[in-house]
Structure formats: C-alpha cells, structure tokens
Amino acid sequence: MKEIEVVIDTEEIAEFFYNELVRRGYVPAESEIDDLADIMFEYLLEKCIIDEEMDVE
C-alpha cells in the first residue's frame, strides 16, 4: 500500500463542522465547534488513520 502525507488542520475541521451544523439548522457556539474538532482529531489518532507528527524547523 502506498503511503501519502496528509495534513490535518483542526481549524479546518472546526470550520467544516460549523458549516455543516448551520446547514442542518444548528447554531453552535465557537467553543463547541473547537471541542468537536479536537474530538474528531483524537478519533482519527485513536483509529490510526493519522499519526501525530510535529515538524520542527
């Protein structure tokens, strides 16, 4: 299987959740969206879909 590099941005996840929730009739607070983005990131880590690496330059 070929390995690809994917960058996961929790701000992008938060924006996606916000837009989808608003589209469905919900009006979430910013703190709720940040929590959802963090939960999603942790889920991806737990399922080994992503591997947390920090690029230090």
N, C-alpha and C. Protein backbone atom coordinates (compact mmCIF):
# COMPACT_ATOMS: atom_id res chain seq x y z
N MET A 1 0.85 -1.17 0.00
CA MET A 1 0.00 0.00 0.00
C MET A 1 0.90 1.24 0.00
N LYS A 2 0.54 2.21 -0.79
CA LYS A 2 1.29 3.45 -0.90
C LYS A 2 0.97 4.38 0.26
N GLU A 3 1.98 4.98 0.83
CA GLU A 3 1.79 5.93 1.92
C GLU A 3 1.74 7.35 1.36
N ILE A 4 0.77 8.12 1.83
CA ILE A 4 0.66 9.51 1.41
C ILE A 4 0.71 10.39 2.65
N GLU A 5 1.12 11.61 2.46
CA GLU A 5 1.18 12.56 3.57
C GLU A 5 -0.08 13.42 3.55
N VAL A 6 -0.75 13.47 4.69
CA VAL A 6 -1.97 14.25 4.84
C VAL A 6 -1.79 15.17 6.04
N VAL A 7 -2.14 16.43 5.86
CA VAL A 7 -2.07 17.40 6.95
C VAL A 7 -3.48 17.64 7.45
N ILE A 8 -3.68 17.40 8.75
CA ILE A 8 -4.99 17.59 9.37
C ILE A 8 -4.94 18.89 10.17
N ASP A 9 -5.80 19.81 9.84
CA ASP A 9 -5.86 21.12 10.48
C ASP A 9 -7.14 21.21 11.29
N THR A 10 -7.02 21.30 12.63
CA THR A 10 -8.22 21.33 13.46
C THR A 10 -9.06 22.57 13.20
N GLU A 11 -8.46 23.66 12.75
CA GLU A 11 -9.25 24.85 12.40
C GLU A 11 -10.11 24.56 11.18
N GLU A 12 -9.56 23.81 10.24
CA GLU A 12 -10.32 23.43 9.04
C GLU A 12 -11.46 22.47 9.42
N ILE A 13 -11.17 21.55 10.34
CA ILE A 13 -12.22 20.64 10.82
C ILE A 13 -13.32 21.44 11.50
N ALA A 14 -12.94 22.40 12.34
CA ALA A 14 -13.91 23.23 13.06
C ALA A 14 -14.80 23.98 12.08
N GLU A 15 -14.20 24.55 11.05
CA GLU A 15 -14.98 25.29 10.05
C GLU A 15 -15.94 24.36 9.32
N PHE A 16 -15.47 23.15 8.99
CA PHE A 16 -16.33 22.18 8.32
C PHE A 16 -17.53 21.82 9.20
N PHE A 17 -17.28 21.50 10.48
CA PHE A 17 -18.37 21.16 11.39
C PHE A 17 -19.34 22.33 11.54
N TYR A 18 -18.81 23.53 11.68
CA TYR A 18 -19.67 24.70 11.83
C TYR A 18 -20.61 24.83 10.62
N ASN A 19 -20.04 24.80 9.44
CA ASN A 19 -20.84 24.95 8.22
C ASN A 19 -21.88 23.85 8.08
N GLU A 20 -21.51 22.62 8.38
CA GLU A 20 -22.45 21.50 8.28
C GLU A 20 -23.56 21.60 9.32
N LEU A 21 -23.22 22.00 10.54
CA LEU A 21 -24.24 22.13 11.58
C LEU A 21 -25.21 23.27 11.26
N VAL A 22 -24.70 24.39 10.78
CA VAL A 22 -25.55 25.52 10.41
C VAL A 22 -26.47 25.10 9.26
N ARG A 23 -25.93 24.38 8.29
CA ARG A 23 -26.72 23.90 7.16
C ARG A 23 -27.87 23.01 7.63
N ARG A 24 -27.65 22.31 8.74
CA ARG A 24 -28.67 21.41 9.28
C ARG A 24 -29.58 22.08 10.31
N GLY A 25 -29.40 23.38 10.50
CA GLY A 25 -30.29 24.12 11.38
C GLY A 25 -29.80 24.33 12.80
N TYR A 26 -28.56 23.98 13.10
CA TYR A 26 -28.00 24.19 14.43
C TYR A 26 -27.16 25.47 14.44
N VAL A 27 -27.10 26.11 15.58
CA VAL A 27 -26.26 27.30 15.72
C VAL A 27 -25.30 27.06 16.88
N PRO A 28 -24.17 26.41 16.60
CA PRO A 28 -23.24 26.06 17.66
C PRO A 28 -22.37 27.25 18.08
N ALA A 29 -21.96 27.24 19.35
CA ALA A 29 -21.02 28.24 19.84
C ALA A 29 -19.62 27.88 19.35
N GLU A 30 -18.74 28.88 19.27
CA GLU A 30 -17.38 28.64 18.79
C GLU A 30 -16.66 27.61 19.66
N SER A 31 -16.86 27.68 20.97
CA SER A 31 -16.19 26.73 21.87
C SER A 31 -16.67 25.30 21.62
N GLU A 32 -17.95 25.15 21.28
CA GLU A 32 -18.48 23.82 20.97
C GLU A 32 -17.84 23.26 19.70
N ILE A 33 -17.67 24.10 18.72
CA ILE A 33 -17.06 23.68 17.46
C ILE A 33 -15.60 23.31 17.68
N ASP A 34 -14.88 24.08 18.48
CA ASP A 34 -13.49 23.75 18.78
C ASP A 34 -13.40 22.40 19.49
N ASP A 35 -14.32 22.14 20.41
CA ASP A 35 -14.35 20.85 21.09
C ASP A 35 -14.61 19.72 20.11
N LEU A 36 -15.55 19.91 19.20
CA LEU A 36 -15.84 18.89 18.20
C LEU A 36 -14.63 18.61 17.31
N ALA A 37 -13.92 19.65 16.91
CA ALA A 37 -12.73 19.49 16.07
C ALA A 37 -11.66 18.71 16.82
N ASP A 38 -11.47 19.02 18.10
CA ASP A 38 -10.49 18.29 18.90
C ASP A 38 -10.88 16.82 19.06
N ILE A 39 -12.17 16.57 19.28
CA ILE A 39 -12.67 15.20 19.40
C ILE A 39 -12.44 14.43 18.10
N MET A 40 -12.70 15.08 16.98
CA MET A 40 -12.50 14.43 15.68
C MET A 40 -11.03 14.09 15.47
N PHE A 41 -10.14 15.00 15.83
CA PHE A 41 -8.70 14.77 15.70
C PHE A 41 -8.28 13.59 16.57
N GLU A 42 -8.75 13.55 17.81
CA GLU A 42 -8.43 12.44 18.71
C GLU A 42 -8.97 11.11 18.17
N TYR A 43 -10.15 11.15 17.57
CA TYR A 43 -10.73 9.95 16.97
C TYR A 43 -9.83 9.43 15.84
N LEU A 44 -9.38 10.33 14.97
CA LEU A 44 -8.51 9.92 13.88
C LEU A 44 -7.21 9.32 14.39
N LEU A 45 -6.67 9.88 15.47
CA LEU A 45 -5.47 9.32 16.09
C LEU A 45 -5.74 7.93 16.65
N GLU A 46 -6.83 7.80 17.39
CA GLU A 46 -7.17 6.53 18.03
C GLU A 46 -7.38 5.41 17.02
N LYS A 47 -7.97 5.73 15.89
CA LYS A 47 -8.23 4.74 14.84
C LYS A 47 -7.02 4.52 13.93
N CYS A 48 -5.91 5.18 14.24
CA CYS A 48 -4.67 5.08 13.47
C CYS A 48 -4.85 5.52 12.02
N ILE A 49 -5.78 6.42 11.80
CA ILE A 49 -5.98 6.99 10.47
C ILE A 49 -4.92 8.04 10.21
N ILE A 50 -4.52 8.71 11.28
CA ILE A 50 -3.43 9.68 11.19
C ILE A 50 -2.41 9.35 12.27
N ASP A 51 -1.20 9.89 12.11
CA ASP A 51 -0.14 9.74 13.07
C ASP A 51 0.34 11.15 13.41
N GLU A 52 0.27 11.50 14.68
CA GLU A 52 0.63 12.86 15.07
C GLU A 52 2.13 13.05 14.99
N GLU A 53 2.55 13.94 14.12
CA GLU A 53 3.95 14.31 13.98
C GLU A 53 4.05 15.81 14.05
N MET A 54 5.11 16.27 14.69
CA MET A 54 5.34 17.69 14.77
C MET A 54 6.60 18.01 13.95
N ASP A 55 6.46 18.83 12.92
CA ASP A 55 7.62 19.25 12.14
C ASP A 55 8.27 20.42 12.85
N VAL A 56 9.51 20.23 13.28
CA VAL A 56 10.24 21.30 13.96
C VAL A 56 11.36 21.73 13.04
N GLU A 57 11.31 22.99 12.64
CA GLU A 57 12.33 23.50 11.73
C GLU A 57 13.09 24.62 12.37
